[in-house]
Amino acid sequence: MSKRRGIGIMIFILAIAAFFVYAYLLMLSEWSPIVLQLTILMVVGGVLGVVSWIGYMMATTSAKPASTITDDD
């Protein structure tokens, strides 16, 4: 359990550090236009990836008949 807790704390600290690095790159560095463009590219790519996955699943799964409740009387 302590290894799992240590990994959780490490992920928590790295996420906070990544936020501060991202904020620095976005607000205070000369790389801000590129960082903003890459961020938007990743968000749009992620959304379109989810949409394409939904379309792929709809196209490749077979339609199951609707379940009907039969009365035994």
PDB file of N, CA and C in Angstrom:
ATOM      1  N   MET A   1       0.828  -1.199   0.000  1.00  0.00           N
ATOM      2  CA  MET A   1       0.000   0.000   0.000  1.00  0.00           C
ATOM      3  C   MET A   1       0.870   1.260   0.000  1.00  0.00           C
ATOM      4  N   SER A   2       2.049   1.204   0.620  1.00  0.00           N
ATOM      5  CA  SER A   2       2.901   2.390   0.681  1.00  0.00           C
ATOM      6  C   SER A   2       3.486   2.726  -0.693  1.00  0.00           C
ATOM      7  N   LYS A   3       3.765   1.708  -1.536  1.00  0.00           N
ATOM      8  CA  LYS A   3       4.260   1.963  -2.884  1.00  0.00           C
ATOM      9  C   LYS A   3       3.187   2.673  -3.706  1.00  0.00           C
ATOM     10  N   ARG A   4       1.964   2.225  -3.560  1.00  0.00           N
ATOM     11  CA  ARG A   4       0.848   2.857  -4.276  1.00  0.00           C
ATOM     12  C   ARG A   4       0.651   4.298  -3.823  1.00  0.00           C
ATOM     13  N   ARG A   5       0.781   4.524  -2.535  1.00  0.00           N
ATOM     14  CA  ARG A   5       0.634   5.880  -2.001  1.00  0.00           C
ATOM     15  C   ARG A   5       1.768   6.774  -2.487  1.00  0.00           C
ATOM     16  N   GLY A   6       2.985   6.234  -2.527  1.00  0.00           N
ATOM     17  CA  GLY A   6       4.124   7.002  -3.027  1.00  0.00           C
ATOM     18  C   GLY A   6       3.965   7.390  -4.485  1.00  0.00           C
ATOM     19  N   ILE A   7       3.469   6.461  -5.286  1.00  0.00           N
ATOM     20  CA  ILE A   7       3.225   6.766  -6.699  1.00  0.00           C
ATOM     21  C   ILE A   7       2.140   7.826  -6.833  1.00  0.00           C
ATOM     22  N   GLY A   8       1.118   7.736  -6.004  1.00  0.00           N
ATOM     23  CA  GLY A   8       0.051   8.743  -6.035  1.00  0.00           C
ATOM     24  C   GLY A   8       0.552  10.126  -5.673  1.00  0.00           C
ATOM     25  N   ILE A   9       1.395  10.208  -4.660  1.00  0.00           N
ATOM     26  CA  ILE A   9       1.970  11.499  -4.256  1.00  0.00           C
ATOM     27  C   ILE A   9       2.864  12.038  -5.370  1.00  0.00           C
ATOM     28  N   MET A  10       3.643  11.154  -6.000  1.00  0.00           N
ATOM     29  CA  MET A  10       4.520  11.577  -7.089  1.00  0.00           C
ATOM     30  C   MET A  10       3.704  12.114  -8.268  1.00  0.00           C
ATOM     31  N   ILE A  11       2.629  11.437  -8.632  1.00  0.00           N
ATOM     32  CA  ILE A  11       1.762  11.909  -9.718  1.00  0.00           C
ATOM     33  C   ILE A  11       1.155  13.263  -9.359  1.00  0.00           C
ATOM     34  N   PHE A  12       0.722  13.418  -8.115  1.00  0.00           N
ATOM     35  CA  PHE A  12       0.141  14.675  -7.647  1.00  0.00           C
ATOM     36  C   PHE A  12       1.141  15.824  -7.779  1.00  0.00           C
ATOM     37  N   ILE A  13       2.359  15.614  -7.322  1.00  0.00           N
ATOM     38  CA  ILE A  13       3.383  16.658  -7.371  1.00  0.00           C
ATOM     39  C   ILE A  13       3.774  16.962  -8.813  1.00  0.00           C
ATOM     40  N   LEU A  14       3.919  15.929  -9.640  1.00  0.00           N
ATOM     41  CA  LEU A  14       4.275  16.157 -11.039  1.00  0.00           C
ATOM     42  C   LEU A  14       3.184  16.907 -11.795  1.00  0.00           C
ATOM     43  N   ALA A  15       1.920  16.635 -11.475  1.00  0.00           N
ATOM     44  CA  ALA A  15       0.825  17.352 -12.137  1.00  0.00           C
ATOM     45  C   ALA A  15       0.844  18.834 -11.773  1.00  0.00           C
ATOM     46  N   ILE A  16       1.106  19.136 -10.509  1.00  0.00           N
ATOM     47  CA  ILE A  16       1.179  20.541 -10.089  1.00  0.00           C
ATOM     48  C   ILE A  16       2.384  21.222 -10.739  1.00  0.00           C
ATOM     49  N   ALA A  17       3.522  20.536 -10.780  1.00  0.00           N
ATOM     50  CA  ALA A  17       4.705  21.106 -11.417  1.00  0.00           C
ATOM     51  C   ALA A  17       4.462  21.321 -12.915  1.00  0.00           C
ATOM     52  N   ALA A  18       3.797  20.383 -13.569  1.00  0.00           N
ATOM     53  CA  ALA A  18       3.497  20.525 -14.991  1.00  0.00           C
ATOM     54  C   ALA A  18       2.582  21.720 -15.236  1.00  0.00           C
ATOM     55  N   PHE A  19       1.653  21.956 -14.327  1.00  0.00           N
ATOM     56  CA  PHE A  19       0.783  23.124 -14.466  1.00  0.00           C
ATOM     57  C   PHE A  19       1.600  24.414 -14.423  1.00  0.00           C
ATOM     58  N   PHE A  20       2.545  24.502 -13.481  1.00  0.00           N
ATOM     59  CA  PHE A  20       3.346  25.718 -13.372  1.00  0.00           C
ATOM     60  C   PHE A  20       4.272  25.887 -14.583  1.00  0.00           C
ATOM     61  N   VAL A  21       4.813  24.812 -15.104  1.00  0.00           N
ATOM     62  CA  VAL A  21       5.635  24.894 -16.312  1.00  0.00           C
ATOM     63  C   VAL A  21       4.774  25.349 -17.490  1.00  0.00           C
ATOM     64  N   TYR A  22       3.574  24.792 -17.601  1.00  0.00           N
ATOM     65  CA  TYR A  22       2.669  25.185 -18.680  1.00  0.00           C
ATOM     66  C   TYR A  22       2.275  26.654 -18.544  1.00  0.00           C
ATOM     67  N   ALA A  23       1.963  27.088 -17.330  1.00  0.00           N
ATOM     68  CA  ALA A  23       1.592  28.486 -17.113  1.00  0.00           C
ATOM     69  C   ALA A  23       2.754  29.409 -17.463  1.00  0.00           C
ATOM     70  N   TYR A  24       3.968  29.033 -17.088  1.00  0.00           N
ATOM     71  CA  TYR A  24       5.136  29.839 -17.443  1.00  0.00           C
ATOM     72  C   TYR A  24       5.301  29.920 -18.955  1.00  0.00           C
ATOM     73  N   LEU A  25       5.216  28.772 -19.623  1.00  0.00           N
ATOM     74  CA  LEU A  25       5.387  28.764 -21.075  1.00  0.00           C
ATOM     75  C   LEU A  25       4.290  29.550 -21.781  1.00  0.00           C
ATOM     76  N   LEU A  26       3.098  29.533 -21.220  1.00  0.00           N
ATOM     77  CA  LEU A  26       1.973  30.217 -21.859  1.00  0.00           C
ATOM     78  C   LEU A  26       1.991  31.717 -21.599  1.00  0.00           C
ATOM     79  N   MET A  27       2.404  32.135 -20.407  1.00  0.00           N
ATOM     80  CA  MET A  27       2.284  33.539 -20.036  1.00  0.00           C
ATOM     81  C   MET A  27       3.589  34.340 -20.131  1.00  0.00           C
ATOM     82  N   LEU A  28       4.706  33.722 -19.813  1.00  0.00           N
ATOM     83  CA  LEU A  28       5.915  34.516 -19.633  1.00  0.00           C
ATOM     84  C   LEU A  28       7.033  34.238 -20.634  1.00  0.00           C
ATOM     85  N   SER A  29       6.880  33.233 -21.463  1.00  0.00           N
ATOM     86  CA  SER A  29       7.991  32.925 -22.367  1.00  0.00           C
ATOM     87  C   SER A  29       7.681  33.385 -23.780  1.00  0.00           C
ATOM     88  N   GLU A  30       8.721  33.345 -24.600  1.00  0.00           N
ATOM     89  CA  GLU A  30       8.539  33.707 -26.008  1.00  0.00           C
ATOM     90  C   GLU A  30       7.889  32.593 -26.804  1.00  0.00           C
ATOM     91  N   TRP A  31       7.698  31.430 -26.184  1.00  0.00           N
ATOM     92  CA  TRP A  31       7.107  30.270 -26.844  1.00  0.00           C
ATOM     93  C   TRP A  31       5.583  30.239 -26.721  1.00  0.00           C
ATOM     94  N   SER A  32       4.975  31.260 -26.152  1.00  0.00           N
ATOM     95  CA  SER A  32       3.533  31.211 -25.872  1.00  0.00           C
ATOM     96  C   SER A  32       2.658  30.979 -27.107  1.00  0.00           C
ATOM     97  N   PRO A  33       2.930  31.578 -28.284  1.00  0.00           N
ATOM     98  CA  PRO A  33       2.059  31.263 -29.435  1.00  0.00           C
ATOM     99  C   PRO A  33       2.116  29.793 -29.838  1.00  0.00           C
ATOM    100  N   ILE A  34       3.310  29.211 -29.789  1.00  0.00           N
ATOM    101  CA  ILE A  34       3.451  27.803 -30.161  1.00  0.00           C
ATOM    102  C   ILE A  34       2.771  26.912 -29.129  1.00  0.00           C
ATOM    103  N   VAL A  35       2.942  27.245 -27.845  1.00  0.00           N
ATOM    104  CA  VAL A  35       2.311  26.460 -26.778  1.00  0.00           C
ATOM    105  C   VAL A  35       0.799  26.513 -26.910  1.00  0.00           C
ATOM    106  N   LEU A  36       0.261  27.684 -27.197  1.00  0.00           N
ATOM    107  CA  LEU A  36      -1.185  27.828 -27.359  1.00  0.00           C
ATOM    108  C   LEU A  36      -1.675  27.054 -28.574  1.00  0.00           C
ATOM    109  N   GLN A  37      -0.951  27.110 -29.675  1.00  0.00           N
ATOM    110  CA  GLN A  37      -1.342  26.367 -30.868  1.00  0.00           C
ATOM    111  C   GLN A  37      -1.301  24.864 -30.625  1.00  0.00           C
ATOM    112  N   LEU A  38      -0.274  24.387 -29.945  1.00  0.00           N
ATOM    113  CA  LEU A  38      -0.182  22.957 -29.657  1.00  0.00           C
ATOM    114  C   LEU A  38      -1.285  22.500 -28.702  1.00  0.00           C
ATOM    115  N   THR A  39      -1.627  23.362 -27.737  1.00  0.00           N
ATOM    116  CA  THR A  39      -2.703  23.020 -26.810  1.00  0.00           C
ATOM    117  C   THR A  39      -4.025  22.876 -27.543  1.00  0.00           C
ATOM    118  N   ILE A  40      -4.335  23.830 -28.399  1.00  0.00           N
ATOM    119  CA  ILE A  40      -5.578  23.772 -29.161  1.00  0.00           C
ATOM    120  C   ILE A  40      -5.576  22.568 -30.097  1.00  0.00           C
ATOM    121  N   LEU A  41      -4.427  22.289 -30.712  1.00  0.00           N
ATOM    122  CA  LEU A  41      -4.311  21.126 -31.591  1.00  0.00           C
ATOM    123  C   LEU A  41      -4.586  19.827 -30.828  1.00  0.00           C
ATOM    124  N   MET A  42      -4.049  19.700 -29.615  1.00  0.00           N
ATOM    125  CA  MET A  42      -4.270  18.482 -28.831  1.00  0.00           C
ATOM    126  C   MET A  42      -5.725  18.352 -28.385  1.00  0.00           C
ATOM    127  N   VAL A  43      -6.347  19.465 -28.006  1.00  0.00           N
ATOM    128  CA  VAL A  43      -7.751  19.408 -27.572  1.00  0.00           C
ATOM    129  C   VAL A  43      -8.651  19.019 -28.750  1.00  0.00           C
ATOM    130  N   VAL A  44      -8.466  19.671 -29.878  1.00  0.00           N
ATOM    131  CA  VAL A  44      -9.282  19.353 -31.057  1.00  0.00           C
ATOM    132  C   VAL A  44      -9.020  17.922 -31.512  1.00  0.00           C
ATOM    133  N   GLY A  45      -7.768  17.502 -31.493  1.00  0.00           N
ATOM    134  CA  GLY A  45      -7.440  16.131 -31.860  1.00  0.00           C
ATOM    135  C   GLY A  45      -8.073  15.117 -30.920  1.00  0.00           C
ATOM    136  N   GLY A  46      -8.094  15.427 -29.627  1.00  0.00           N
ATOM    137  CA  GLY A  46      -8.722  14.528 -28.667  1.00  0.00           C
ATOM    138  C   GLY A  46     -10.221  14.416 -28.873  1.00  0.00           C
ATOM    139  N   VAL A  47     -10.877  15.549 -29.078  1.00  0.00           N
ATOM    140  CA  VAL A  47     -12.327  15.535 -29.298  1.00  0.00           C
ATOM    141  C   VAL A  47     -12.663  14.785 -30.587  1.00  0.00           C
ATOM    142  N   LEU A  48     -11.947  15.071 -31.656  1.00  0.00           N
ATOM    143  CA  LEU A  48     -12.204  14.381 -32.921  1.00  0.00           C
ATOM    144  C   LEU A  48     -11.843  12.903 -32.832  1.00  0.00           C
ATOM    145  N   GLY A  49     -10.868  12.559 -32.027  1.00  0.00           N
ATOM    146  CA  GLY A  49     -10.539  11.159 -31.806  1.00  0.00           C
ATOM    147  C   GLY A  49     -11.670  10.415 -31.124  1.00  0.00           C
ATOM    148  N   VAL A  50     -12.283  11.048 -30.119  1.00  0.00           N
ATOM    149  CA  VAL A  50     -13.432  10.434 -29.439  1.00  0.00           C
ATOM    150  C   VAL A  50     -14.603  10.294 -30.396  1.00  0.00           C
ATOM    151  N   VAL A  51     -14.862  11.333 -31.190  1.00  0.00           N
ATOM    152  CA  VAL A  51     -15.965  11.275 -32.156  1.00  0.00           C
ATOM    153  C   VAL A  51     -15.716  10.180 -33.184  1.00  0.00           C
ATOM    154  N   SER A  52     -14.485  10.064 -33.662  1.00  0.00           N
ATOM    155  CA  SER A  52     -14.204   9.017 -34.650  1.00  0.00           C
ATOM    156  C   SER A  52     -14.300   7.628 -34.029  1.00  0.00           C
ATOM    157  N   TRP A  53     -13.905   7.486 -32.772  1.00  0.00           N
ATOM    158  CA  TRP A  53     -14.039   6.202 -32.084  1.00  0.00           C
ATOM    159  C   TRP A  53     -15.509   5.810 -31.940  1.00  0.00           C
ATOM    160  N   ILE A  54     -16.361   6.782 -31.614  1.00  0.00           N
ATOM    161  CA  ILE A  54     -17.797   6.508 -31.508  1.00  0.00           C
ATOM    162  C   ILE A  54     -18.340   6.078 -32.877  1.00  0.00           C
ATOM    163  N   GLY A  55     -17.942   6.784 -33.937  1.00  0.00           N
ATOM    164  CA  GLY A  55     -18.388   6.401 -35.276  1.00  0.00           C
ATOM    165  C   GLY A  55     -17.901   5.023 -35.672  1.00  0.00           C
ATOM    166  N   TYR A  56     -16.662   4.691 -35.342  1.00  0.00           N
ATOM    167  CA  TYR A  56     -16.124   3.376 -35.648  1.00  0.00           C
ATOM    168  C   TYR A  56     -16.895   2.292 -34.906  1.00  0.00           C
ATOM    169  N   MET A  57     -17.178   2.523 -33.639  1.00  0.00           N
ATOM    170  CA  MET A  57     -17.919   1.538 -32.856  1.00  0.00           C
ATOM    171  C   MET A  57     -19.341   1.364 -33.395  1.00  0.00           C
ATOM    172  N   MET A  58     -19.964   2.455 -33.812  1.00  0.00           N
ATOM    173  CA  MET A  58     -21.308   2.357 -34.378  1.00  0.00           C
ATOM    174  C   MET A  58     -21.286   1.593 -35.701  1.00  0.00           C
ATOM    175  N   ALA A  59     -20.231   1.756 -36.485  1.00  0.00           N
ATOM    176  CA  ALA A  59     -20.163   1.119 -37.793  1.00  0.00           C
ATOM    177  C   ALA A  59     -19.790  -0.352 -37.702  1.00  0.00           C
ATOM    178  N   THR A  60     -19.051  -0.756 -36.689  1.00  0.00           N
ATOM    179  CA  THR A  60     -18.534  -2.123 -36.662  1.00  0.00           C
ATOM    180  C   THR A  60     -19.283  -3.062 -35.725  1.00  0.00           C
ATOM    181  N   THR A  61     -20.093  -2.557 -34.830  1.00  0.00           N
ATOM    182  CA  THR A  61     -20.813  -3.458 -33.935  1.00  0.00           C
ATOM    183  C   THR A  61     -22.115  -3.886 -34.590  1.00  0.00           C
ATOM    184  N   SER A  62     -22.486  -5.110 -34.332  1.00  0.00           N
ATOM    185  CA  SER A  62     -23.734  -5.596 -34.910  1.00  0.00           C
ATOM    186  C   SER A  62     -24.904  -5.146 -34.046  1.00  0.00           C
ATOM    187  N   ALA A  63     -26.008  -4.884 -34.708  1.00  0.00           N
ATOM    188  CA  ALA A  63     -27.202  -4.452 -33.987  1.00  0.00           C
ATOM    189  C   ALA A  63     -27.863  -5.666 -33.328  1.00  0.00           C
ATOM    190  N   LYS A  64     -28.081  -5.568 -32.068  1.00  0.00           N
ATOM    191  CA  LYS A  64     -28.733  -6.659 -31.347  1.00  0.00           C
ATOM    192  C   LYS A  64     -30.237  -6.384 -31.342  1.00  0.00           C
ATOM    193  N   PRO A  65     -31.027  -7.394 -31.452  1.00  0.00           N
ATOM    194  CA  PRO A  65     -32.475  -7.152 -31.422  1.00  0.00           C
ATOM    195  C   PRO A  65     -32.872  -6.634 -30.044  1.00  0.00           C
ATOM    196  N   ALA A  66     -33.892  -5.818 -30.053  1.00  0.00           N
ATOM    197  CA  ALA A  66     -34.399  -5.291 -28.793  1.00  0.00           C
ATOM    198  C   ALA A  66     -34.936  -6.434 -27.934  1.00  0.00           C
ATOM    199  N   SER A  67     -34.624  -6.363 -26.679  1.00  0.00           N
ATOM    200  CA  SER A  67     -35.101  -7.434 -25.788  1.00  0.00           C
ATOM    201  C   SER A  67     -36.594  -7.230 -25.550  1.00  0.00           C
ATOM    202  N   THR A  68     -37.293  -8.313 -25.621  1.00  0.00           N
ATOM    203  CA  THR A  68     -38.728  -8.269 -25.390  1.00  0.00           C
ATOM    204  C   THR A  68     -39.049  -9.081 -24.147  1.00  0.00           C
ATOM    205  N   ILE A  69     -40.002  -8.611 -23.439  1.00  0.00           N
ATOM    206  CA  ILE A  69     -40.450  -9.333 -22.240  1.00  0.00           C
ATOM    207  C   ILE A  69     -41.633 -10.194 -22.628  1.00  0.00           C
ATOM    208  N   THR A  70     -41.461 -11.477 -22.458  1.00  0.00           N
ATOM    209  CA  THR A  70     -42.551 -12.397 -22.803  1.00  0.00           C
ATOM    210  C   THR A  70     -43.312 -12.755 -21.536  1.00  0.00           C
ATOM    211  N   ASP A  71     -44.589 -12.887 -21.719  1.00  0.00           N
ATOM    212  CA  ASP A  71     -45.450 -13.249 -20.603  1.00  0.00           C
ATOM    213  C   ASP A  71     -45.672 -14.752 -20.646  1.00  0.00           C
ATOM    214  N   ASP A  72     -45.444 -15.434 -19.557  1.00  0.00           N
ATOM    215  CA  ASP A  72     -45.560 -16.879 -19.508  1.00  0.00           C
ATOM    216  C   ASP A  72     -47.001 -17.355 -19.358  1.00  0.00           C
ATOM    217  N   ASP A  73     -47.940 -16.491 -19.273  1.00  0.00           N
ATOM    218  CA  ASP A  73     -49.351 -16.923 -19.072  1.00  0.00           C
ATOM    219  C   ASP A  73     -49.941 -17.530 -20.290  1.00  0.00           C
TER     220      ASP A  73
END
